[in-house]
PDB file of all heavy atoms in Angstrom:
ATOM      1  N   ASP A   1      54.507 -28.440  35.335  1.00  0.00           N
ATOM      2  CA  ASP A   1      53.492 -29.492  34.940  1.00  0.00           C
ATOM      3  C   ASP A   1      54.322 -30.775  34.542  1.00  0.00           C
ATOM      4  O   ASP A   1      53.909 -31.860  34.822  1.00  0.00           O
ATOM      5  CB  ASP A   1      52.686 -28.968  33.784  1.00  0.00           C
ATOM      6  CG  ASP A   1      51.876 -27.855  34.236  1.00  0.00           C
ATOM      7  OD1 ASP A   1      51.331 -27.849  35.391  1.00  0.00           O
ATOM      8  OD2 ASP A   1      51.495 -26.976  33.430  1.00  0.00           O
ATOM      9  N   GLU A   2      55.373 -30.574  33.784  1.00  0.00           N
ATOM     10  CA  GLU A   2      56.109 -31.745  33.384  1.00  0.00           C
ATOM     11  C   GLU A   2      56.738 -32.417  34.527  1.00  0.00           C
ATOM     12  O   GLU A   2      56.917 -33.775  34.540  1.00  0.00           O
ATOM     13  CB  GLU A   2      57.244 -31.292  32.308  1.00  0.00           C
ATOM     14  CG  GLU A   2      57.987 -32.522  31.764  1.00  0.00           C
ATOM     15  CD  GLU A   2      57.239 -33.527  31.021  1.00  0.00           C
ATOM     16  OE1 GLU A   2      56.161 -33.178  30.457  1.00  0.00           O
ATOM     17  OE2 GLU A   2      57.674 -34.696  31.045  1.00  0.00           O
ATOM     18  N   ALA A   3      57.213 -31.651  35.588  1.00  0.00           N
ATOM     19  CA  ALA A   3      57.881 -32.282  36.660  1.00  0.00           C
ATOM     20  C   ALA A   3      56.896 -33.106  37.454  1.00  0.00           C
ATOM     21  O   ALA A   3      57.249 -34.236  37.935  1.00  0.00           O
ATOM     22  CB  ALA A   3      58.360 -31.167  37.434  1.00  0.00           C
ATOM     23  N   VAL A   4      55.694 -32.631  37.712  1.00  0.00           N
ATOM     24  CA  VAL A   4      54.571 -33.314  38.391  1.00  0.00           C
ATOM     25  C   VAL A   4      54.389 -34.629  37.635  1.00  0.00           C
ATOM     26  O   VAL A   4      54.203 -35.649  38.255  1.00  0.00           O
ATOM     27  CB  VAL A   4      53.368 -32.470  38.528  1.00  0.00           C
ATOM     28  CG1 VAL A   4      52.169 -33.307  39.031  1.00  0.00           C
ATOM     29  CG2 VAL A   4      53.596 -31.293  39.364  1.00  0.00           C
ATOM     30  N   LYS A   5      54.168 -34.476  36.382  1.00  0.00           N
ATOM     31  CA  LYS A   5      53.828 -35.760  35.518  1.00  0.00           C
ATOM     32  C   LYS A   5      54.916 -36.783  35.687  1.00  0.00           C
ATOM     33  O   LYS A   5      54.646 -38.019  35.899  1.00  0.00           O
ATOM     34  CB  LYS A   5      53.657 -35.287  34.041  1.00  0.00           C
ATOM     35  CG  LYS A   5      53.170 -36.521  33.177  1.00  0.00           C
ATOM     36  CD  LYS A   5      53.000 -36.073  31.771  1.00  0.00           C
ATOM     37  CE  LYS A   5      52.439 -37.152  30.845  1.00  0.00           C
ATOM     38  NZ  LYS A   5      53.366 -38.310  30.833  1.00  0.00           N
ATOM     39  N   GLN A   6      56.235 -36.359  35.584  1.00  0.00           N
ATOM     40  CA  GLN A   6      57.275 -37.323  35.693  1.00  0.00           C
ATOM     41  C   GLN A   6      57.298 -38.036  37.017  1.00  0.00           C
ATOM     42  O   GLN A   6      57.532 -39.234  37.101  1.00  0.00           O
ATOM     43  CB  GLN A   6      58.594 -36.629  35.466  1.00  0.00           C
ATOM     44  CG  GLN A   6      58.877 -36.211  34.025  1.00  0.00           C
ATOM     45  CD  GLN A   6      60.156 -35.505  33.710  1.00  0.00           C
ATOM     46  OE1 GLN A   6      60.907 -35.284  34.683  1.00  0.00           O
ATOM     47  NE2 GLN A   6      60.357 -35.117  32.615  1.00  0.00           N
ATOM     48  N   VAL A   7      57.111 -37.336  38.021  1.00  0.00           N
ATOM     49  CA  VAL A   7      57.099 -37.903  39.354  1.00  0.00           C
ATOM     50  C   VAL A   7      56.109 -38.897  39.566  1.00  0.00           C
ATOM     51  O   VAL A   7      56.298 -39.954  40.127  1.00  0.00           O
ATOM     52  CB  VAL A   7      57.073 -36.828  40.514  1.00  0.00           C
ATOM     53  CG1 VAL A   7      56.835 -37.447  41.873  1.00  0.00           C
ATOM     54  CG2 VAL A   7      58.333 -35.943  40.491  1.00  0.00           C
ATOM     55  N   PHE A   8      54.824 -38.524  39.253  1.00  0.00           N
ATOM     56  CA  PHE A   8      53.729 -39.419  39.464  1.00  0.00           C
ATOM     57  C   PHE A   8      53.683 -40.605  38.469  1.00  0.00           C
ATOM     58  O   PHE A   8      53.364 -41.674  38.812  1.00  0.00           O
ATOM     59  CB  PHE A   8      52.382 -38.618  39.357  1.00  0.00           C
ATOM     60  CG  PHE A   8      52.039 -37.929  40.528  1.00  0.00           C
ATOM     61  CD1 PHE A   8      52.466 -36.627  40.841  1.00  0.00           C
ATOM     62  CD2 PHE A   8      51.073 -38.484  41.556  1.00  0.00           C
ATOM     63  CE1 PHE A   8      52.104 -36.015  42.067  1.00  0.00           C
ATOM     64  CE2 PHE A   8      50.729 -37.890  42.641  1.00  0.00           C
ATOM     65  CZ  PHE A   8      51.310 -36.591  42.910  1.00  0.00           C
ATOM     66  N   ASP A   9      54.229 -40.478  37.296  1.00  0.00           N
ATOM     67  CA  ASP A   9      54.287 -41.514  36.337  1.00  0.00           C
ATOM     68  C   ASP A   9      55.298 -42.481  36.691  1.00  0.00           C
ATOM     69  O   ASP A   9      55.156 -43.727  36.512  1.00  0.00           O
ATOM     70  CB  ASP A   9      54.691 -40.993  34.914  1.00  0.00           C
ATOM     71  CG  ASP A   9      53.479 -40.285  34.134  1.00  0.00           C
ATOM     72  OD1 ASP A   9      52.381 -40.475  34.793  1.00  0.00           O
ATOM     73  OD2 ASP A   9      53.686 -39.626  33.142  1.00  0.00           O
ATOM     74  N   SER A  10      56.324 -42.086  37.439  1.00  0.00           N
ATOM     75  CA  SER A  10      57.461 -43.042  37.891  1.00  0.00           C
ATOM     76  C   SER A  10      57.129 -43.609  39.263  1.00  0.00           C
ATOM     77  O   SER A  10      57.918 -44.464  39.718  1.00  0.00           O
ATOM     78  CB  SER A  10      58.851 -42.308  37.921  1.00  0.00           C
ATOM     79  OG  SER A  10      58.729 -41.258  38.905  1.00  0.00           O
ATOM     80  N   GLY A  11      56.115 -43.149  39.975  1.00  0.00           N
ATOM     81  CA  GLY A  11      55.793 -43.703  41.245  1.00  0.00           C
ATOM     82  C   GLY A  11      56.613 -43.065  42.420  1.00  0.00           C
ATOM     83  O   GLY A  11      56.506 -43.569  43.540  1.00  0.00           O
ATOM     84  N   ARG A  12      57.408 -41.992  42.043  1.00  0.00           N
ATOM     85  CA  ARG A  12      58.223 -41.512  43.060  1.00  0.00           C
ATOM     86  C   ARG A  12      57.458 -40.492  44.064  1.00  0.00           C
ATOM     87  O   ARG A  12      58.073 -40.014  45.041  1.00  0.00           O
ATOM     88  CB  ARG A  12      59.413 -40.590  42.450  1.00  0.00           C
ATOM     89  CG  ARG A  12      60.490 -41.448  41.733  1.00  0.00           C
ATOM     90  CD  ARG A  12      61.442 -40.591  41.223  1.00  0.00           C
ATOM     91  NE  ARG A  12      60.916 -39.820  39.937  1.00  0.00           N
ATOM     92  CZ  ARG A  12      61.463 -38.728  39.432  1.00  0.00           C
ATOM     93  NH1 ARG A  12      62.555 -38.112  39.977  1.00  0.00           N
ATOM     94  NH2 ARG A  12      60.941 -38.160  38.471  1.00  0.00           N
ATOM     95  N   GLU A  13      56.173 -40.358  43.796  1.00  0.00           N
ATOM     96  CA  GLU A  13      55.441 -39.509  44.739  1.00  0.00           C
ATOM     97  C   GLU A  13      55.327 -40.092  46.135  1.00  0.00           C
ATOM     98  O   GLU A  13      55.133 -39.401  47.095  1.00  0.00           O
ATOM     99  CB  GLU A  13      54.025 -39.238  44.212  1.00  0.00           C
ATOM    100  CG  GLU A  13      52.953 -40.346  44.214  1.00  0.00           C
ATOM    101  CD  GLU A  13      53.218 -41.459  43.208  1.00  0.00           C
ATOM    102  OE1 GLU A  13      54.057 -41.254  42.397  1.00  0.00           O
ATOM    103  OE2 GLU A  13      52.340 -42.422  43.184  1.00  0.00           O
ATOM    104  N   GLU A  14      55.358 -41.379  46.244  1.00  0.00           N
ATOM    105  CA  GLU A  14      55.299 -42.014  47.553  1.00  0.00           C
ATOM    106  C   GLU A  14      56.518 -41.716  48.505  1.00  0.00           C
ATOM    107  O   GLU A  14      56.364 -41.627  49.639  1.00  0.00           O
ATOM    108  CB  GLU A  14      55.146 -43.553  47.403  1.00  0.00           C
ATOM    109  CG  GLU A  14      53.915 -43.951  46.796  1.00  0.00           C
ATOM    110  CD  GLU A  14      52.670 -43.327  47.491  1.00  0.00           C
ATOM    111  OE1 GLU A  14      52.614 -43.341  48.790  1.00  0.00           O
ATOM    112  OE2 GLU A  14      51.699 -42.912  46.880  1.00  0.00           O
ATOM    113  N   VAL A  15      57.702 -41.520  47.855  1.00  0.00           N
ATOM    114  CA  VAL A  15      58.871 -41.091  48.574  1.00  0.00           C
ATOM    115  C   VAL A  15      58.560 -39.659  49.148  1.00  0.00           C
ATOM    116  O   VAL A  15      58.868 -39.462  50.334  1.00  0.00           O
ATOM    117  CB  VAL A  15      60.116 -41.117  47.691  1.00  0.00           C
ATOM    118  CG1 VAL A  15      61.345 -40.518  48.440  1.00  0.00           C
ATOM    119  CG2 VAL A  15      60.384 -42.520  47.273  1.00  0.00           C
ATOM    120  N   LEU A  16      58.090 -38.749  48.240  1.00  0.00           N
ATOM    121  CA  LEU A  16      57.888 -37.446  48.781  1.00  0.00           C
ATOM    122  C   LEU A  16      56.695 -37.466  49.836  1.00  0.00           C
ATOM    123  O   LEU A  16      56.776 -36.651  50.681  1.00  0.00           O
ATOM    124  CB  LEU A  16      57.400 -36.581  47.594  1.00  0.00           C
ATOM    125  CG  LEU A  16      58.513 -36.346  46.521  1.00  0.00           C
ATOM    126  CD1 LEU A  16      57.991 -35.445  45.350  1.00  0.00           C
ATOM    127  CD2 LEU A  16      59.708 -35.616  47.142  1.00  0.00           C
ATOM    128  N   ARG A  17      55.710 -38.426  49.668  1.00  0.00           N
ATOM    129  CA  ARG A  17      54.661 -38.362  50.589  1.00  0.00           C
ATOM    130  C   ARG A  17      55.248 -38.718  51.984  1.00  0.00           C
ATOM    131  O   ARG A  17      54.819 -38.103  53.001  1.00  0.00           O
ATOM    132  CB  ARG A  17      53.622 -39.508  50.185  1.00  0.00           C
ATOM    133  CG  ARG A  17      52.285 -39.307  50.950  1.00  0.00           C
ATOM    134  CD  ARG A  17      51.387 -40.399  50.612  1.00  0.00           C
ATOM    135  NE  ARG A  17      51.202 -40.624  49.158  1.00  0.00           N
ATOM    136  CZ  ARG A  17      50.352 -40.023  48.478  1.00  0.00           C
ATOM    137  NH1 ARG A  17      49.564 -38.976  49.002  1.00  0.00           N
ATOM    138  NH2 ARG A  17      50.142 -40.193  47.099  1.00  0.00           N
ATOM    139  N   GLY A  18      56.124 -39.710  51.958  1.00  0.00           N
ATOM    140  CA  GLY A  18      56.799 -40.151  53.302  1.00  0.00           C
ATOM    141  C   GLY A  18      57.567 -38.975  53.851  1.00  0.00           C
ATOM    142  O   GLY A  18      57.537 -38.630  55.094  1.00  0.00           O
ATOM    143  N   ASP A  19      58.364 -38.254  52.972  1.00  0.00           N
ATOM    144  CA  ASP A  19      59.094 -37.086  53.459  1.00  0.00           C
ATOM    145  C   ASP A  19      58.200 -36.016  54.079  1.00  0.00           C
ATOM    146  O   ASP A  19      58.455 -35.409  55.221  1.00  0.00           O
ATOM    147  CB  ASP A  19      59.932 -36.506  52.441  1.00  0.00           C
ATOM    148  CG  ASP A  19      61.047 -37.375  51.979  1.00  0.00           C
ATOM    149  OD1 ASP A  19      61.400 -38.378  52.698  1.00  0.00           O
ATOM    150  OD2 ASP A  19      61.591 -37.198  50.858  1.00  0.00           O
ATOM    151  N   LEU A  20      57.059 -35.716  53.348  1.00  0.00           N
ATOM    152  CA  LEU A  20      56.165 -34.566  53.839  1.00  0.00           C
ATOM    153  C   LEU A  20      55.437 -35.017  55.161  1.00  0.00           C
ATOM    154  O   LEU A  20      55.170 -34.281  55.977  1.00  0.00           O
ATOM    155  CB  LEU A  20      55.213 -34.318  52.874  1.00  0.00           C
ATOM    156  CG  LEU A  20      55.665 -33.530  51.605  1.00  0.00           C
ATOM    157  CD1 LEU A  20      54.600 -33.360  50.526  1.00  0.00           C
ATOM    158  CD2 LEU A  20      56.056 -32.114  52.105  1.00  0.00           C
ATOM    159  N   ARG A  21      55.133 -36.331  55.250  1.00  0.00           N
ATOM    160  CA  ARG A  21      54.598 -36.933  56.443  1.00  0.00           C
ATOM    161  C   ARG A  21      55.516 -36.697  57.737  1.00  0.00           C
ATOM    162  O   ARG A  21      55.098 -36.244  58.790  1.00  0.00           O
ATOM    163  CB  ARG A  21      54.189 -38.358  56.322  1.00  0.00           C
ATOM    164  CG  ARG A  21      53.301 -38.928  57.397  1.00  0.00           C
ATOM    165  CD  ARG A  21      52.700 -40.252  56.928  1.00  0.00           C
ATOM    166  NE  ARG A  21      51.864 -40.773  57.991  1.00  0.00           N
ATOM    167  CZ  ARG A  21      52.160 -41.754  58.827  1.00  0.00           C
ATOM    168  NH1 ARG A  21      53.426 -42.146  58.848  1.00  0.00           N
ATOM    169  NH2 ARG A  21      51.327 -42.187  59.720  1.00  0.00           N
ATOM    170  N   LEU A  22      56.817 -36.938  57.528  1.00  0.00           N
ATOM    171  CA  LEU A  22      57.773 -36.808  58.569  1.00  0.00           C
ATOM    172  C   LEU A  22      57.968 -35.236  58.928  1.00  0.00           C
ATOM    173  O   LEU A  22      58.090 -34.919  60.043  1.00  0.00           O
ATOM    174  CB  LEU A  22      59.075 -37.380  58.181  1.00  0.00           C
ATOM    175  CG  LEU A  22      59.207 -38.921  58.119  1.00  0.00           C
ATOM    176  CD1 LEU A  22      60.653 -39.257  57.885  1.00  0.00           C
ATOM    177  CD2 LEU A  22      58.715 -39.577  59.375  1.00  0.00           C
ATOM    178  N   ARG A  23      57.810 -34.415  57.824  1.00  0.00           N
ATOM    179  CA  ARG A  23      58.020 -33.079  58.057  1.00  0.00           C
ATOM    180  C   ARG A  23      56.767 -32.415  58.974  1.00  0.00           C
ATOM    181  O   ARG A  23      56.947 -31.602  59.816  1.00  0.00           O
ATOM    182  CB  ARG A  23      58.059 -32.270  56.795  1.00  0.00           C
ATOM    183  CG  ARG A  23      58.204 -30.753  56.956  1.00  0.00           C
ATOM    184  CD  ARG A  23      58.180 -30.006  55.549  1.00  0.00           C
ATOM    185  NE  ARG A  23      59.117 -30.504  54.584  1.00  0.00           N
ATOM    186  CZ  ARG A  23      59.310 -30.065  53.343  1.00  0.00           C
ATOM    187  NH1 ARG A  23      58.458 -29.062  52.999  1.00  0.00           N
ATOM    188  NH2 ARG A  23      60.075 -30.514  52.577  1.00  0.00           N
ATOM    189  N   LYS A  24      55.576 -33.086  58.605  1.00  0.00           N
ATOM    190  CA  LYS A  24      54.387 -32.638  59.335  1.00  0.00           C
ATOM    191  C   LYS A  24      54.533 -33.039  60.968  1.00  0.00           C
ATOM    192  O   LYS A  24      54.214 -32.318  61.840  1.00  0.00           O
ATOM    193  CB  LYS A  24      53.159 -33.272  58.852  1.00  0.00           C
ATOM    194  CG  LYS A  24      52.565 -32.689  57.638  1.00  0.00           C
ATOM    195  CD  LYS A  24      51.300 -33.225  57.179  1.00  0.00           C
ATOM    196  CE  LYS A  24      50.578 -32.553  56.064  1.00  0.00           C
ATOM    197  NZ  LYS A  24      49.222 -33.074  55.813  1.00  0.00           N
ATOM    198  N   ALA A  25      55.085 -34.259  61.134  1.00  0.00           N
ATOM    199  CA  ALA A  25      55.370 -34.643  62.431  1.00  0.00           C
ATOM    200  C   ALA A  25      56.334 -33.798  63.131  1.00  0.00           C
ATOM    201  O   ALA A  25      56.162 -33.504  64.339  1.00  0.00           O
ATOM    202  CB  ALA A  25      55.809 -36.205  62.406  1.00  0.00           C
ATOM    203  N   LEU A  26      57.409 -33.453  62.451  1.00  0.00           N
ATOM    204  CA  LEU A  26      58.378 -32.531  63.063  1.00  0.00           C
ATOM    205  C   LEU A  26      57.749 -31.168  63.358  1.00  0.00           C
ATOM    206  O   LEU A  26      58.099 -30.577  64.434  1.00  0.00           O
ATOM    207  CB  LEU A  26      59.624 -32.382  62.088  1.00  0.00           C
ATOM    208  CG  LEU A  26      60.679 -31.458  62.553  1.00  0.00           C
ATOM    209  CD1 LEU A  26      61.288 -31.851  63.906  1.00  0.00           C
ATOM    210  CD2 LEU A  26      61.821 -31.471  61.539  1.00  0.00           C
ATOM    211  N   ASP A  27      56.909 -30.739  62.442  1.00  0.00           N
ATOM    212  CA  ASP A  27      56.146 -29.457  62.767  1.00  0.00           C
ATOM    213  C   ASP A  27      55.449 -29.543  64.061  1.00  0.00           C
ATOM    214  O   ASP A  27      55.465 -28.580  64.971  1.00  0.00           O
ATOM    215  CB  ASP A  27      55.217 -29.119  61.604  1.00  0.00           C
ATOM    216  CG  ASP A  27      55.887 -28.757  60.388  1.00  0.00           C
ATOM    217  OD1 ASP A  27      57.122 -28.403  60.415  1.00  0.00           O
ATOM    218  OD2 ASP A  27      55.340 -28.799  59.245  1.00  0.00           O
ATOM    219  N   ARG A  28      54.748 -30.602  64.245  1.00  0.00           N
ATOM    220  CA  ARG A  28      53.952 -30.813  65.518  1.00  0.00           C
ATOM    221  C   ARG A  28      54.884 -30.888  66.764  1.00  0.00           C
ATOM    222  O   ARG A  28      54.628 -30.322  67.826  1.00  0.00           O
ATOM    223  CB  ARG A  28      53.124 -32.118  65.442  1.00  0.00           C
ATOM    224  CG  ARG A  28      51.874 -31.859  64.530  1.00  0.00           C
ATOM    225  CD  ARG A  28      50.917 -30.897  65.037  1.00  0.00           C
ATOM    226  NE  ARG A  28      50.525 -31.195  66.388  1.00  0.00           N
ATOM    227  CZ  ARG A  28      49.348 -31.956  66.589  1.00  0.00           C
ATOM    228  NH1 ARG A  28      48.684 -32.475  65.573  1.00  0.00           N
ATOM    229  NH2 ARG A  28      48.939 -32.211  67.877  1.00  0.00           N
ATOM    230  N   VAL A  29      55.970 -31.590  66.632  1.00  0.00           N
ATOM    231  CA  VAL A  29      56.941 -31.751  67.737  1.00  0.00           C
ATOM    232  C   VAL A  29      57.573 -30.389  68.094  1.00  0.00           C
ATOM    233  O   VAL A  29      57.514 -29.979  69.290  1.00  0.00           O
ATOM    234  CB  VAL A  29      58.068 -32.798  67.370  1.00  0.00           C
ATOM    235  CG1 VAL A  29      59.147 -32.727  68.406  1.00  0.00           C
ATOM    236  CG2 VAL A  29      57.467 -34.232  67.297  1.00  0.00           C
ATOM    237  N   SER A  30      57.998 -29.665  67.088  1.00  0.00           N
ATOM    238  CA  SER A  30      58.590 -28.363  67.363  1.00  0.00           C
ATOM    239  C   SER A  30      57.573 -27.372  67.839  1.00  0.00           C
ATOM    240  O   SER A  30      57.970 -26.504  68.602  1.00  0.00           O
ATOM    241  CB  SER A  30      59.386 -27.873  66.057  1.00  0.00           C
ATOM    242  OG  SER A  30      58.376 -27.680  64.940  1.00  0.00           O
TER     243      SER A  30
END
């Protein structure tokens, strides 16, 4: 819970969003 709060409070969730989006694309390609 604290980890989630820290990430979203600092705005770092957008970096993870981009990483997960690329992972989804790689899932489709593979």
